[in-house]
Amino acid sequence: MLISNVLRKLDMQDLMVFVAVYEQSSVTGVSETLCVSQSTVSYCLKKLRTGFQDELFIHTRTGMRPTYKATSMYSHVLRILESINLCHSGVPAFDPTHQAVTFNLCAPEYFELLILPRLLKGFDYADLPVTVNVQKLEADIPVDELRDGSLDLVICFGPNFHRSHADLQSQVLLEDELVCVFDKRATPPTQARFSLQSFVERRHVFPTPWTSDSNMVDGWLARQARKRQIAARSNSYSAALKMITGTDFILTLPRRIQALLANEAVFNHCEAPAGLPGFTLDMQWSQASDQDSAQAWLREQVVKVCAEPGLL
């Protein structure tokens, strides 16, 4: 932030005039160098003097001589202009068409079902030599692997399902909510939304697409001093859907997964009990890789897929 509102009126041309006058000591020479009129140079000097509350340059027989303040400012103004040039040119962008690249991710099944297929189709359509390796998400963020570079990116759930680390960057990709799925032949709920009581009275199949000691549903029920009945646990959403077929069991799924996998010819669904919170899908990466052009490119591709209007 600027410490003076007067400074907000300055622009790049003013700073260029400052440097040119400092180096050439001549308004006429600056006018020719910058291809502007002498009146424009004079106007820029007036703005600079007002902004920095100093004469900056004094007219002498031998030309414009900088004041002490102008001399102390010179190197800083040079760096400002250099930084602007760097912002324009930027760091070299990663071009996946020039070399094969492999990215190592840690992610839950949710990411593999919803986002990774779209990501890979995009790579294939553009004929990019990109390989993506995914390992299963555990209870804790694999922070050491992110730090040492063996992992490029972690996709995880939020908010606050994992311990935070000050040296990791994080971004929310999308939001989702939970719904209850059951076989069409099963006893339907009496209303469009399960009550908390009817929810805990039914038997449940519990999918564990990521390894964790706790989960969204049971953590919330524990805070309500309630507990559900688990009939079976599965390693995937698809297997869990198979397990409830032909039974009265219910399955609590993310809405996007339900829309993707729960065939409407076989399954019905209804709203989860009021108060059951939704969740976010987040990505985390190390600060050390923040400026890595290849990893920045990958993160951009993931964000683009999650922003697509066609995503369930």
C-alpha atoms as a PDB file:
ATOM      1  CA  MET A   1       0.000   0.000   0.000  1.00  0.00           C
ATOM      2  CA  LEU A   2       1.113   3.573  -0.637  1.00  0.00           C
ATOM      3  CA  ILE A   3       1.703   5.789   2.399  1.00  0.00           C
ATOM      4  CA  SER A   4       0.531   8.907   0.551  1.00  0.00           C
ATOM      5  CA  ASN A   5      -2.494   9.419  -1.693  1.00  0.00           C
ATOM      6  CA  VAL A   6      -0.433  11.852  -3.783  1.00  0.00           C
ATOM      7  CA  LEU A   7       1.756   8.951  -4.887  1.00  0.00           C
ATOM      8  CA  ARG A   8      -1.259   7.285  -6.472  1.00  0.00           C
ATOM      9  CA  LYS A   9      -1.241   9.980  -9.170  1.00  0.00           C
ATOM     10  CA  LEU A  10       2.195   8.945 -10.410  1.00  0.00           C
ATOM     11  CA  ASP A  11       2.541   6.593 -13.367  1.00  0.00           C
ATOM     12  CA  MET A  12       5.275   4.703 -15.212  1.00  0.00           C
ATOM     13  CA  GLN A  13       6.063   7.645 -17.479  1.00  0.00           C
ATOM     14  CA  ASP A  14       6.793   9.807 -14.440  1.00  0.00           C
ATOM     15  CA  LEU A  15       9.293   7.242 -13.157  1.00  0.00           C
ATOM     16  CA  MET A  16      10.890   6.927 -16.592  1.00  0.00           C
ATOM     17  CA  VAL A  17      11.299  10.726 -16.706  1.00  0.00           C
ATOM     18  CA  PHE A  18      12.889  10.659 -13.250  1.00  0.00           C
ATOM     19  CA  VAL A  19      15.495   8.086 -14.333  1.00  0.00           C
ATOM     20  CA  ALA A  20      16.168   9.813 -17.637  1.00  0.00           C
ATOM     21  CA  VAL A  21      16.644  13.245 -16.050  1.00  0.00           C
ATOM     22  CA  TYR A  22      18.883  11.733 -13.393  1.00  0.00           C
ATOM     23  CA  GLU A  23      21.060  10.051 -16.013  1.00  0.00           C
ATOM     24  CA  GLN A  24      21.094  12.807 -18.675  1.00  0.00           C
ATOM     25  CA  SER A  25      20.749  16.029 -16.603  1.00  0.00           C
ATOM     26  CA  SER A  26      18.887  17.587 -19.543  1.00  0.00           C
ATOM     27  CA  VAL A  27      15.177  18.133 -20.103  1.00  0.00           C
ATOM     28  CA  THR A  28      15.797  18.502 -23.840  1.00  0.00           C
ATOM     29  CA  GLY A  29      17.728  15.247 -23.990  1.00  0.00           C
ATOM     30  CA  VAL A  30      15.022  13.439 -22.009  1.00  0.00           C
ATOM     31  CA  SER A  31      12.380  14.778 -24.375  1.00  0.00           C
ATOM     32  CA  GLU A  32      14.225  13.330 -27.356  1.00  0.00           C
ATOM     33  CA  THR A  33      15.048  10.019 -25.655  1.00  0.00           C
ATOM     34  CA  LEU A  34      11.482   9.338 -24.508  1.00  0.00           C
ATOM     35  CA  CYS A  35       9.870  10.864 -27.615  1.00  0.00           C
ATOM     36  CA  VAL A  36       7.704  13.247 -25.600  1.00  0.00           C
ATOM     37  CA  SER A  37       7.463  17.026 -25.563  1.00  0.00           C
ATOM     38  CA  GLN A  38       9.482  19.180 -23.164  1.00  0.00           C
ATOM     39  CA  SER A  39       6.204  20.336 -21.612  1.00  0.00           C
ATOM     40  CA  THR A  40       5.372  16.686 -20.859  1.00  0.00           C
ATOM     41  CA  VAL A  41       8.755  16.249 -19.152  1.00  0.00           C
ATOM     42  CA  SER A  42       8.137  19.400 -17.119  1.00  0.00           C
ATOM     43  CA  TYR A  43       4.665  18.164 -16.135  1.00  0.00           C
ATOM     44  CA  CYS A  44       6.068  14.789 -15.027  1.00  0.00           C
ATOM     45  CA  LEU A  45       8.737  16.546 -12.943  1.00  0.00           C
ATOM     46  CA  LYS A  46       6.037  18.649 -11.303  1.00  0.00           C
ATOM     47  CA  LYS A  47       4.091  15.507 -10.350  1.00  0.00           C
ATOM     48  CA  LEU A  48       7.259  13.846  -9.036  1.00  0.00           C
ATOM     49  CA  ARG A  49       8.167  16.884  -6.921  1.00  0.00           C
ATOM     50  CA  THR A  50       4.658  17.019  -5.481  1.00  0.00           C
ATOM     51  CA  GLY A  51       4.533  13.300  -4.830  1.00  0.00           C
ATOM     52  CA  PHE A  52       7.926  13.054  -3.143  1.00  0.00           C
ATOM     53  CA  GLN A  53       7.792  16.512  -1.527  1.00  0.00           C
ATOM     54  CA  ASP A  54      11.220  17.497  -2.790  1.00  0.00           C
ATOM     55  CA  GLU A  55      12.739  19.614  -5.569  1.00  0.00           C
ATOM     56  CA  LEU A  56      14.507  16.440  -6.806  1.00  0.00           C
ATOM     57  CA  PHE A  57      16.425  18.250  -9.577  1.00  0.00           C
ATOM     58  CA  ILE A  58      17.955  21.749  -9.454  1.00  0.00           C
ATOM     59  CA  HIS A  59      18.610  23.862 -12.550  1.00  0.00           C
ATOM     60  CA  THR A  60      22.319  24.737 -12.848  1.00  0.00           C
ATOM     61  CA  ARG A  61      24.542  26.019 -15.641  1.00  0.00           C
ATOM     62  CA  THR A  62      25.707  22.466 -16.286  1.00  0.00           C
ATOM     63  CA  GLY A  63      22.247  20.926 -16.295  1.00  0.00           C
ATOM     64  CA  MET A  64      19.728  19.357 -13.884  1.00  0.00           C
ATOM     65  CA  ARG A  65      21.477  18.277 -10.691  1.00  0.00           C
ATOM     66  CA  PRO A  66      19.783  15.743  -8.385  1.00  0.00           C
ATOM     67  CA  THR A  67      19.103  16.573  -4.765  1.00  0.00           C
ATOM     68  CA  TYR A  68      20.160  14.247  -1.972  1.00  0.00           C
ATOM     69  CA  LYS A  69      16.685  12.699  -1.962  1.00  0.00           C
ATOM     70  CA  ALA A  70      16.747  12.128  -5.717  1.00  0.00           C
ATOM     71  CA  THR A  71      20.131  10.421  -5.421  1.00  0.00           C
ATOM     72  CA  SER A  72      18.811   8.120  -2.682  1.00  0.00           C
ATOM     73  CA  MET A  73      15.707   7.349  -4.756  1.00  0.00           C
ATOM     74  CA  TYR A  74      17.464   6.502  -8.020  1.00  0.00           C
ATOM     75  CA  SER A  75      18.334   2.844  -7.343  1.00  0.00           C
ATOM     76  CA  HIS A  76      14.843   2.165  -5.932  1.00  0.00           C
ATOM     77  CA  VAL A  77      13.102   3.651  -8.976  1.00  0.00           C
ATOM     78  CA  LEU A  78      15.351   1.606 -11.259  1.00  0.00           C
ATOM     79  CA  ARG A  79      14.272  -1.575  -9.443  1.00  0.00           C
ATOM     80  CA  ILE A  80      10.610  -0.594  -9.772  1.00  0.00           C
ATOM     81  CA  LEU A  81      10.969  -0.288 -13.548  1.00  0.00           C
ATOM     82  CA  GLU A  82      12.945  -3.531 -13.715  1.00  0.00           C
ATOM     83  CA  SER A  83      10.221  -5.297 -11.704  1.00  0.00           C
ATOM     84  CA  ILE A  84       7.542  -3.998 -14.054  1.00  0.00           C
ATOM     85  CA  ASN A  85       9.519  -5.360 -16.995  1.00  0.00           C
ATOM     86  CA  LEU A  86       9.781  -8.735 -15.247  1.00  0.00           C
ATOM     87  CA  CYS A  87       6.033  -8.741 -14.641  1.00  0.00           C
ATOM     88  CA  HIS A  88       5.518  -8.178 -18.356  1.00  0.00           C
ATOM     89  CA  SER A  89       7.971 -10.797 -19.572  1.00  0.00           C
ATOM     90  CA  GLY A  90       7.378 -13.169 -16.651  1.00  0.00           C
ATOM     91  CA  VAL A  91       9.170 -16.432 -16.063  1.00  0.00           C
ATOM     92  CA  PRO A  92       9.377 -18.811 -19.033  1.00  0.00           C
ATOM     93  CA  ALA A  93       6.051 -20.608 -19.309  1.00  0.00           C
ATOM     94  CA  PHE A  94       6.001 -24.389 -19.185  1.00  0.00           C
ATOM     95  CA  ASP A  95       5.271 -25.907 -22.585  1.00  0.00           C
ATOM     96  CA  PRO A  96       4.195 -29.578 -22.275  1.00  0.00           C
ATOM     97  CA  THR A  97       4.497 -30.069 -26.035  1.00  0.00           C
ATOM     98  CA  HIS A  98       8.278 -29.758 -25.850  1.00  0.00           C
ATOM     99  CA  GLN A  99       9.011 -32.534 -23.372  1.00  0.00           C
ATOM    100  CA  ALA A 100       7.375 -35.478 -21.670  1.00  0.00           C
ATOM    101  CA  VAL A 101       6.515 -34.828 -18.035  1.00  0.00           C
ATOM    102  CA  THR A 102       5.228 -36.954 -15.144  1.00  0.00           C
ATOM    103  CA  PHE A 103       3.249 -35.514 -12.255  1.00  0.00           C
ATOM    104  CA  ASN A 104       2.849 -37.352  -8.946  1.00  0.00           C
ATOM    105  CA  LEU A 105      -0.343 -36.649  -7.033  1.00  0.00           C
ATOM    106  CA  CYS A 106      -1.964 -37.802  -3.822  1.00  0.00           C
ATOM    107  CA  ALA A 107      -5.753 -37.700  -4.077  1.00  0.00           C
ATOM    108  CA  PRO A 108      -9.006 -39.381  -2.974  1.00  0.00           C
ATOM    109  CA  GLU A 109     -11.236 -41.424  -5.254  1.00  0.00           C
ATOM    110  CA  TYR A 110     -13.516 -38.383  -5.574  1.00  0.00           C
ATOM    111  CA  PHE A 111     -10.799 -36.634  -7.621  1.00  0.00           C
ATOM    112  CA  GLU A 112     -10.094 -39.739  -9.703  1.00  0.00           C
ATOM    113  CA  LEU A 113     -13.755 -40.120 -10.661  1.00  0.00           C
ATOM    114  CA  LEU A 114     -14.751 -36.524 -11.281  1.00  0.00           C
ATOM    115  CA  ILE A 115     -11.730 -34.493 -12.285  1.00  0.00           C
ATOM    116  CA  LEU A 116      -8.883 -36.730 -13.432  1.00  0.00           C
ATOM    117  CA  PRO A 117     -10.791 -38.200 -16.430  1.00  0.00           C
ATOM    118  CA  ARG A 118     -11.500 -34.700 -17.758  1.00  0.00           C
ATOM    119  CA  LEU A 119      -7.910 -33.696 -17.129  1.00  0.00           C
ATOM    120  CA  LEU A 120      -6.561 -36.692 -19.052  1.00  0.00           C
ATOM    121  CA  LYS A 121      -8.989 -36.179 -21.935  1.00  0.00           C
ATOM    122  CA  GLY A 122      -7.708 -32.633 -22.274  1.00  0.00           C
ATOM    123  CA  PHE A 123      -4.108 -33.858 -22.364  1.00  0.00           C
ATOM    124  CA  ASP A 124      -4.984 -36.535 -24.899  1.00  0.00           C
ATOM    125  CA  TYR A 125      -6.955 -34.148 -27.114  1.00  0.00           C
ATOM    126  CA  ALA A 126      -3.967 -31.769 -27.206  1.00  0.00           C
ATOM    127  CA  ASP A 127      -1.610 -34.725 -27.752  1.00  0.00           C
ATOM    128  CA  LEU A 128       0.453 -33.777 -24.696  1.00  0.00           C
ATOM    129  CA  PRO A 129       3.045 -36.298 -23.380  1.00  0.00           C
ATOM    130  CA  VAL A 130       1.807 -35.938 -19.791  1.00  0.00           C
ATOM    131  CA  THR A 131       1.651 -38.809 -17.289  1.00  0.00           C
ATOM    132  CA  VAL A 132      -0.252 -38.541 -14.006  1.00  0.00           C
ATOM    133  CA  ASN A 133       0.456 -40.950 -11.144  1.00  0.00           C
ATOM    134  CA  VAL A 134      -2.006 -40.927  -8.240  1.00  0.00           C
ATOM    135  CA  GLN A 135      -1.534 -42.447  -4.804  1.00  0.00           C
ATOM    136  CA  LYS A 136      -4.332 -42.819  -2.273  1.00  0.00           C
ATOM    137  CA  LEU A 137      -4.935 -40.058   0.261  1.00  0.00           C
ATOM    138  CA  GLU A 138      -4.269 -41.105   3.847  1.00  0.00           C
ATOM    139  CA  ALA A 139      -5.405 -39.542   7.128  1.00  0.00           C
ATOM    140  CA  ASP A 140      -2.633 -36.914   7.082  1.00  0.00           C
ATOM    141  CA  ILE A 141      -1.357 -34.703   4.291  1.00  0.00           C
ATOM    142  CA  PRO A 142       1.946 -36.226   3.067  1.00  0.00           C
ATOM    143  CA  VAL A 143       3.766 -32.998   3.828  1.00  0.00           C
ATOM    144  CA  ASP A 144       7.278 -34.493   3.755  1.00  0.00           C
ATOM    145  CA  GLU A 145       6.720 -35.786   0.219  1.00  0.00           C
ATOM    146  CA  LEU A 146       5.508 -32.370  -0.884  1.00  0.00           C
ATOM    147  CA  ARG A 147       8.540 -30.734   0.682  1.00  0.00           C
ATOM    148  CA  ASP A 148      11.098 -33.070  -0.871  1.00  0.00           C
ATOM    149  CA  GLY A 149       9.452 -32.968  -4.293  1.00  0.00           C
ATOM    150  CA  SER A 150       8.433 -36.619  -4.547  1.00  0.00           C
ATOM    151  CA  LEU A 151       4.829 -35.372  -4.699  1.00  0.00           C
ATOM    152  CA  ASP A 152       3.783 -32.424  -6.844  1.00  0.00           C
ATOM    153  CA  LEU A 153       0.261 -31.906  -5.571  1.00  0.00           C
ATOM    154  CA  VAL A 154      -2.138 -33.150  -2.910  1.00  0.00           C
ATOM    155  CA  ILE A 155      -5.901 -33.120  -3.409  1.00  0.00           C
ATOM    156  CA  CYS A 156      -7.803 -33.341  -0.125  1.00  0.00           C
ATOM    157  CA  PHE A 157     -11.090 -32.533   1.593  1.00  0.00           C
ATOM    158  CA  GLY A 158     -11.859 -29.492   3.681  1.00  0.00           C
ATOM    159  CA  PRO A 159     -12.431 -27.491   5.598  1.00  0.00           C
ATOM    160  CA  ASN A 160     -10.286 -28.524   8.566  1.00  0.00           C
ATOM    161  CA  PHE A 161     -10.126 -32.258   7.909  1.00  0.00           C
ATOM    162  CA  HIS A 162      -6.315 -32.182   7.946  1.00  0.00           C
ATOM    163  CA  ARG A 163      -3.679 -30.510  10.070  1.00  0.00           C
ATOM    164  CA  SER A 164      -2.528 -27.238   8.514  1.00  0.00           C
ATOM    165  CA  HIS A 165       1.114 -26.527   7.668  1.00  0.00           C
ATOM    166  CA  ALA A 166       2.466 -23.000   7.363  1.00  0.00           C
ATOM    167  CA  ASP A 167       4.757 -23.838   4.437  1.00  0.00           C
ATOM    168  CA  LEU A 168       1.990 -25.299   2.264  1.00  0.00           C
ATOM    169  CA  GLN A 169      -0.136 -23.333  -0.159  1.00  0.00           C
ATOM    170  CA  SER A 170      -3.824 -24.199  -0.437  1.00  0.00           C
ATOM    171  CA  GLN A 171      -6.692 -23.468  -2.811  1.00  0.00           C
ATOM    172  CA  VAL A 172     -10.362 -24.509  -2.749  1.00  0.00           C
ATOM    173  CA  LEU A 173     -11.362 -26.211  -5.997  1.00  0.00           C
ATOM    174  CA  LEU A 174     -15.077 -26.817  -5.520  1.00  0.00           C
ATOM    175  CA  GLU A 175     -17.846 -27.370  -2.970  1.00  0.00           C
ATOM    176  CA  ASP A 176     -20.181 -30.344  -2.603  1.00  0.00           C
ATOM    177  CA  GLU A 177     -22.772 -31.758  -0.236  1.00  0.00           C
ATOM    178  CA  LEU A 178     -23.891 -35.198   0.926  1.00  0.00           C
ATOM    179  CA  VAL A 179     -27.058 -37.045  -0.106  1.00  0.00           C
ATOM    180  CA  CYS A 180     -28.545 -40.406   0.867  1.00  0.00           C
ATOM    181  CA  VAL A 181     -28.819 -43.148  -1.769  1.00  0.00           C
ATOM    182  CA  PHE A 182     -30.876 -46.350  -1.508  1.00  0.00           C
ATOM    183  CA  ASP A 183     -32.137 -49.174  -3.714  1.00  0.00           C
ATOM    184  CA  LYS A 184     -35.402 -48.388  -5.543  1.00  0.00           C
ATOM    185  CA  ARG A 185     -36.923 -51.529  -4.048  1.00  0.00           C
ATOM    186  CA  ALA A 186     -35.964 -50.528  -0.511  1.00  0.00           C
ATOM    187  CA  THR A 187     -38.348 -48.970   1.979  1.00  0.00           C
ATOM    188  CA  PRO A 188     -38.377 -45.294   1.015  1.00  0.00           C
ATOM    189  CA  PRO A 189     -38.176 -42.500   3.601  1.00  0.00           C
ATOM    190  CA  THR A 190     -41.505 -40.950   4.489  1.00  0.00           C
ATOM    191  CA  GLN A 191     -40.277 -37.465   3.493  1.00  0.00           C
ATOM    192  CA  ALA A 192     -37.942 -35.936   0.929  1.00  0.00           C
ATOM    193  CA  ARG A 193     -35.281 -35.579   3.630  1.00  0.00           C
ATOM    194  CA  PHE A 194     -34.181 -38.156   6.192  1.00  0.00           C
ATOM    195  CA  SER A 195     -34.788 -37.045   9.746  1.00  0.00           C
ATOM    196  CA  LEU A 196     -31.875 -37.542  12.091  1.00  0.00           C
ATOM    197  CA  GLN A 197     -33.799 -40.288  13.882  1.00  0.00           C
ATOM    198  CA  SER A 198     -34.697 -42.232  10.718  1.00  0.00           C
ATOM    199  CA  PHE A 199     -31.133 -41.761   9.455  1.00  0.00           C
ATOM    200  CA  VAL A 200     -29.550 -43.474  12.464  1.00  0.00           C
ATOM    201  CA  GLU A 201     -32.221 -46.189  12.556  1.00  0.00           C
ATOM    202  CA  ARG A 202     -31.301 -47.408   9.062  1.00  0.00           C
ATOM    203  CA  ARG A 203     -28.254 -49.588   8.435  1.00  0.00           C
ATOM    204  CA  HIS A 204     -25.474 -47.990   6.399  1.00  0.00           C
ATOM    205  CA  VAL A 205     -22.754 -48.974   3.994  1.00  0.00           C
ATOM    206  CA  PHE A 206     -19.706 -46.786   4.559  1.00  0.00           C
ATOM    207  CA  PRO A 207     -17.377 -46.096   1.599  1.00  0.00           C
ATOM    208  CA  THR A 208     -13.768 -45.283   2.508  1.00  0.00           C
ATOM    209  CA  PRO A 209     -12.334 -43.807  -0.695  1.00  0.00           C
ATOM    210  CA  TRP A 210      -9.647 -42.159   1.419  1.00  0.00           C
ATOM    211  CA  THR A 211      -7.955 -43.521   4.528  1.00  0.00           C
ATOM    212  CA  SER A 212      -8.956 -41.757   7.722  1.00  0.00           C
ATOM    213  CA  ASP A 213      -9.694 -42.519  11.364  1.00  0.00           C
ATOM    214  CA  SER A 214     -12.805 -40.344  11.165  1.00  0.00           C
ATOM    215  CA  ASN A 215     -15.195 -39.190   8.451  1.00  0.00           C
ATOM    216  CA  MET A 216     -17.621 -36.399   7.709  1.00  0.00           C
ATOM    217  CA  VAL A 217     -20.793 -38.263   8.641  1.00  0.00           C
ATOM    218  CA  ASP A 218     -19.728 -39.993  11.855  1.00  0.00           C
ATOM    219  CA  GLY A 219     -17.886 -36.921  13.088  1.00  0.00           C
ATOM    220  CA  TRP A 220     -21.069 -34.881  12.708  1.00  0.00           C
ATOM    221  CA  LEU A 221     -23.211 -37.583  14.332  1.00  0.00           C
ATOM    222  CA  ALA A 222     -20.847 -37.750  17.298  1.00  0.00           C
ATOM    223  CA  ARG A 223     -21.380 -34.025  17.854  1.00  0.00           C
ATOM    224  CA  GLN A 224     -25.125 -34.754  17.945  1.00  0.00           C
ATOM    225  CA  ALA A 225     -24.477 -37.536  20.489  1.00  0.00           C
ATOM    226  CA  ARG A 226     -25.701 -40.046  17.895  1.00  0.00           C
ATOM    227  CA  LYS A 227     -24.206 -43.069  16.162  1.00  0.00           C
ATOM    228  CA  ARG A 228     -25.233 -44.890  12.997  1.00  0.00           C
ATOM    229  CA  GLN A 229     -25.261 -48.623  12.307  1.00  0.00           C
ATOM    230  CA  ILE A 230     -22.585 -49.708   9.832  1.00  0.00           C
ATOM    231  CA  ALA A 231     -23.506 -52.890   7.940  1.00  0.00           C
ATOM    232  CA  ALA A 232     -20.348 -52.894   5.806  1.00  0.00           C
ATOM    233  CA  ARG A 233     -17.370 -50.827   4.746  1.00  0.00           C
ATOM    234  CA  SER A 234     -16.076 -50.641   1.191  1.00  0.00           C
ATOM    235  CA  ASN A 235     -12.956 -49.328  -0.513  1.00  0.00           C
ATOM    236  CA  SER A 236     -14.811 -47.439  -3.239  1.00  0.00           C
ATOM    237  CA  TYR A 237     -18.048 -45.674  -4.059  1.00  0.00           C
ATOM    238  CA  SER A 238     -18.867 -48.191  -6.806  1.00  0.00           C
ATOM    239  CA  ALA A 239     -18.440 -51.160  -4.489  1.00  0.00           C
ATOM    240  CA  ALA A 240     -20.621 -49.479  -1.858  1.00  0.00           C
ATOM    241  CA  LEU A 241     -23.412 -49.024  -4.402  1.00  0.00           C
ATOM    242  CA  LYS A 242     -23.200 -52.739  -5.249  1.00  0.00           C
ATOM    243  CA  MET A 243     -23.529 -53.562  -1.556  1.00  0.00           C
ATOM    244  CA  ILE A 244     -26.800 -51.689  -1.056  1.00  0.00           C
ATOM    245  CA  THR A 245     -28.459 -53.254  -4.122  1.00  0.00           C
ATOM    246  CA  GLY A 246     -31.390 -55.432  -3.073  1.00  0.00           C
ATOM    247  CA  THR A 247     -31.238 -54.291   0.576  1.00  0.00           C
ATOM    248  CA  ASP A 248     -32.710 -51.599   2.840  1.00  0.00           C
ATOM    249  CA  PHE A 249     -29.230 -50.204   3.491  1.00  0.00           C
ATOM    250  CA  ILE A 250     -28.515 -46.573   2.718  1.00  0.00           C
ATOM    251  CA  LEU A 251     -25.363 -44.977   1.430  1.00  0.00           C
ATOM    252  CA  THR A 252     -24.331 -41.371   2.050  1.00  0.00           C
ATOM    253  CA  LEU A 253     -22.523 -40.004  -1.002  1.00  0.00           C
ATOM    254  CA  PRO A 254     -21.286 -36.660  -2.291  1.00  0.00           C
ATOM    255  CA  ARG A 255     -23.979 -35.276  -4.592  1.00  0.00           C
ATOM    256  CA  ARG A 256     -21.621 -35.165  -7.574  1.00  0.00           C
ATOM    257  CA  ILE A 257     -20.684 -38.830  -7.063  1.00  0.00           C
ATOM    258  CA  GLN A 258     -24.353 -39.779  -6.732  1.00  0.00           C
ATOM    259  CA  ALA A 259     -25.143 -38.037 -10.028  1.00  0.00           C
ATOM    260  CA  LEU A 260     -22.202 -39.765 -11.708  1.00  0.00           C
ATOM    261  CA  LEU A 261     -22.533 -43.335 -10.408  1.00  0.00           C
ATOM    262  CA  ALA A 262     -25.990 -43.978  -8.937  1.00  0.00           C
ATOM    263  CA  ASN A 263     -28.012 -45.155 -11.949  1.00  0.00           C
ATOM    264  CA  GLU A 264     -31.510 -43.706 -11.627  1.00  0.00           C
ATOM    265  CA  ALA A 265     -32.982 -46.940 -12.972  1.00  0.00           C
ATOM    266  CA  VAL A 266     -31.620 -48.755  -9.908  1.00  0.00           C
ATOM    267  CA  PHE A 267     -31.267 -46.193  -7.133  1.00  0.00           C
ATOM    268  CA  ASN A 268     -33.272 -43.421  -5.523  1.00  0.00           C
ATOM    269  CA  HIS A 269     -31.856 -40.667  -3.376  1.00  0.00           C
ATOM    270  CA  CYS A 270     -33.076 -38.087  -0.898  1.00  0.00           C
ATOM    271  CA  GLU A 271     -31.642 -35.264   1.158  1.00  0.00           C
ATOM    272  CA  ALA A 272     -29.451 -35.996   4.162  1.00  0.00           C
ATOM    273  CA  PRO A 273     -30.574 -34.915   7.640  1.00  0.00           C
ATOM    274  CA  ALA A 274     -30.709 -31.177   8.169  1.00  0.00           C
ATOM    275  CA  GLY A 275     -27.457 -29.812   9.516  1.00  0.00           C
ATOM    276  CA  LEU A 276     -25.161 -32.402   7.982  1.00  0.00           C
ATOM    277  CA  PRO A 277     -22.410 -30.132   6.618  1.00  0.00           C
ATOM    278  CA  GLY A 278     -21.038 -30.127   3.106  1.00  0.00           C
ATOM    279  CA  PHE A 279     -17.361 -30.073   2.233  1.00  0.00           C
ATOM    280  CA  THR A 280     -14.794 -28.621  -0.119  1.00  0.00           C
ATOM    281  CA  LEU A 281     -12.256 -30.233  -2.389  1.00  0.00           C
ATOM    282  CA  ASP A 282      -8.916 -28.498  -1.936  1.00  0.00           C
ATOM    283  CA  MET A 283      -5.455 -28.738  -3.422  1.00  0.00           C
ATOM    284  CA  GLN A 284      -2.234 -28.173  -1.507  1.00  0.00           C
ATOM    285  CA  TRP A 285       1.362 -27.759  -2.640  1.00  0.00           C
ATOM    286  CA  SER A 286       4.671 -26.664  -1.170  1.00  0.00           C
ATOM    287  CA  GLN A 287       5.830 -23.065  -1.245  1.00  0.00           C
ATOM    288  CA  ALA A 288       9.126 -24.310  -2.681  1.00  0.00           C
ATOM    289  CA  SER A 289       7.307 -25.423  -5.840  1.00  0.00           C
ATOM    290  CA  ASP A 290       5.135 -22.326  -6.032  1.00  0.00           C
ATOM    291  CA  GLN A 291       7.240 -20.817  -8.833  1.00  0.00           C
ATOM    292  CA  ASP A 292       7.912 -24.095 -10.662  1.00  0.00           C
ATOM    293  CA  SER A 293       6.428 -23.459 -14.105  1.00  0.00           C
ATOM    294  CA  ALA A 294       5.477 -27.100 -14.773  1.00  0.00           C
ATOM    295  CA  GLN A 295       3.686 -27.485 -11.446  1.00  0.00           C
ATOM    296  CA  ALA A 296       2.015 -24.091 -11.834  1.00  0.00           C
ATOM    297  CA  TRP A 297       0.774 -25.274 -15.248  1.00  0.00           C
ATOM    298  CA  LEU A 298      -0.663 -28.463 -13.705  1.00  0.00           C
ATOM    299  CA  ARG A 299      -2.476 -26.498 -11.001  1.00  0.00           C
ATOM    300  CA  GLU A 300      -3.954 -24.224 -13.661  1.00  0.00           C
ATOM    301  CA  GLN A 301      -5.263 -27.246 -15.589  1.00  0.00           C
ATOM    302  CA  VAL A 302      -6.906 -28.659 -12.458  1.00  0.00           C
ATOM    303  CA  VAL A 303      -8.535 -25.299 -11.674  1.00  0.00           C
ATOM    304  CA  LYS A 304      -9.827 -25.018 -15.255  1.00  0.00           C
ATOM    305  CA  VAL A 305     -11.450 -28.468 -15.093  1.00  0.00           C
ATOM    306  CA  CYS A 306     -13.113 -27.670 -11.763  1.00  0.00           C
ATOM    307  CA  ALA A 307     -14.453 -24.429 -13.212  1.00  0.00           C
ATOM    308  CA  GLU A 308     -16.044 -26.113 -16.234  1.00  0.00           C
ATOM    309  CA  PRO A 309     -19.836 -25.608 -16.249  1.00  0.00           C
ATOM    310  CA  GLY A 310     -20.334 -29.226 -17.336  1.00  0.00           C
ATOM    311  CA  LEU A 311     -18.772 -30.628 -14.171  1.00  0.00           C
ATOM    312  CA  LEU A 312     -21.556 -32.463 -12.361  1.00  0.00           C
END
